[in-house]
Protein backbone atom coordinates (compact mmCIF):
# COMPACT_ATOMS: atom_id res chain seq x y z
CA MET A 1 -8.89 -0.24 48.59
CA SER A 2 -6.48 2.37 49.81
CA ASN A 3 -3.24 3.27 48.12
CA ASN A 4 -1.36 1.78 51.10
CA ASP A 5 -3.22 -1.53 50.63
CA THR A 6 -2.32 -1.54 46.95
CA ASN A 7 1.33 -0.83 47.74
CA ALA A 8 1.43 -3.56 50.40
CA ASN A 9 -0.15 -6.09 48.03
CA GLU A 10 2.42 -5.25 45.36
CA LEU A 11 5.22 -5.74 47.88
CA VAL A 12 3.76 -9.10 48.98
CA ASN A 13 3.73 -10.22 45.36
CA GLU A 14 7.29 -9.03 44.89
CA LEU A 15 8.51 -10.96 47.93
CA ILE A 16 6.79 -14.10 46.66
CA ALA A 17 8.42 -13.59 43.26
CA ILE A 18 11.85 -13.19 44.88
CA ALA A 19 11.31 -16.41 46.83
CA ASP A 20 10.32 -18.20 43.62
CA ASP A 21 13.23 -16.79 41.61
CA GLU A 22 15.95 -17.10 44.26
CA GLY A 23 14.73 -20.14 46.19
CA THR A 24 15.46 -18.19 49.37
CA LEU A 25 14.50 -15.03 51.17
CA VAL A 26 17.98 -14.65 52.66
CA PRO A 27 20.14 -14.24 49.56
CA PRO A 28 23.78 -13.27 50.16
CA ARG A 29 24.46 -9.76 51.43
CA GLY A 30 25.27 -7.35 48.66
CA THR A 31 23.04 -9.01 46.09
CA GLU A 32 20.25 -7.15 44.35
CA ALA A 33 17.65 -9.51 45.79
CA ARG A 34 18.87 -8.99 49.36
CA GLY A 35 18.83 -5.24 48.89
CA ARG A 36 15.30 -5.36 47.52
CA ILE A 37 14.07 -7.47 50.45
CA MET A 38 15.49 -4.89 52.86
CA THR A 39 14.00 -2.01 50.87
CA ILE A 40 10.60 -3.71 50.98
CA ALA A 41 10.85 -4.17 54.74
CA ASN A 42 11.66 -0.50 55.24
CA ALA A 43 8.80 0.54 52.95
CA LEU A 44 6.33 -1.66 54.83
CA ASN A 45 7.52 -0.22 58.12
CA GLU A 46 6.99 3.31 56.81
CA ILE A 47 3.54 2.50 55.39
CA GLY A 48 2.10 0.62 58.33
CA GLY A 49 4.72 -0.14 60.93
CA HIS A 50 5.30 -3.45 62.65
CA ASP A 51 1.64 -4.47 62.33
CA LEU A 52 1.75 -4.28 58.54
CA MET A 53 5.06 -6.15 58.50
CA LEU A 54 3.40 -8.94 60.52
CA GLU A 55 0.48 -9.09 58.09
CA VAL A 56 2.76 -9.20 55.07
CA HIS A 57 4.96 -11.85 56.67
CA ALA A 58 1.90 -14.04 57.30
CA GLU A 59 0.75 -13.68 53.68
CA VAL A 60 4.19 -14.42 52.26
CA ALA A 61 4.76 -17.39 54.59
CA ALA A 62 1.36 -18.83 53.63
CA ALA A 63 2.28 -18.54 49.97
CA VAL A 64 5.87 -19.83 50.07
CA GLY A 65 5.92 -22.12 53.10
CA GLY A 66 7.21 -22.02 56.64
CA THR A 67 10.90 -22.41 55.89
CA LEU A 68 11.00 -19.43 53.55
CA GLY A 69 8.74 -17.56 55.96
CA ARG A 70 11.32 -18.09 58.68
CA GLU A 71 14.02 -16.85 56.30
CA LEU A 72 12.05 -13.65 55.85
CA GLU A 73 12.05 -13.17 59.62
CA VAL A 74 15.84 -13.45 59.61
CA ALA A 75 16.22 -11.08 56.65
CA TRP A 76 14.07 -8.43 58.32
CA ASP A 77 15.85 -8.63 61.68
CA GLY A 78 16.24 -5.17 63.19
CA ILE A 79 13.95 -3.32 60.79
CA GLY A 80 11.09 -1.45 62.44
CA GLY A 81 11.40 -3.35 65.68
CA TRP A 82 11.41 -6.69 63.88
CA TRP A 83 13.50 -9.38 65.54
CA SER A 84 14.01 -12.93 64.34
């Protein structure tokens, strides 16, 4: 497993944990959770671009459900070519 795979897996787990803790993946702007979700999106874009973001989104949505998966799409809007 490459270092990028390890990093991406850690970020997937963190997004799932945020969803579990917050009950949403679109917490209010200015909150720590919202900032972390945006930081994760930017990191994924840097590591593997839009393709990696799509893979991570699919994994997170499978783990937390379609509604929260859709919220992640909204939260990531405009990052690395992502649009909701």
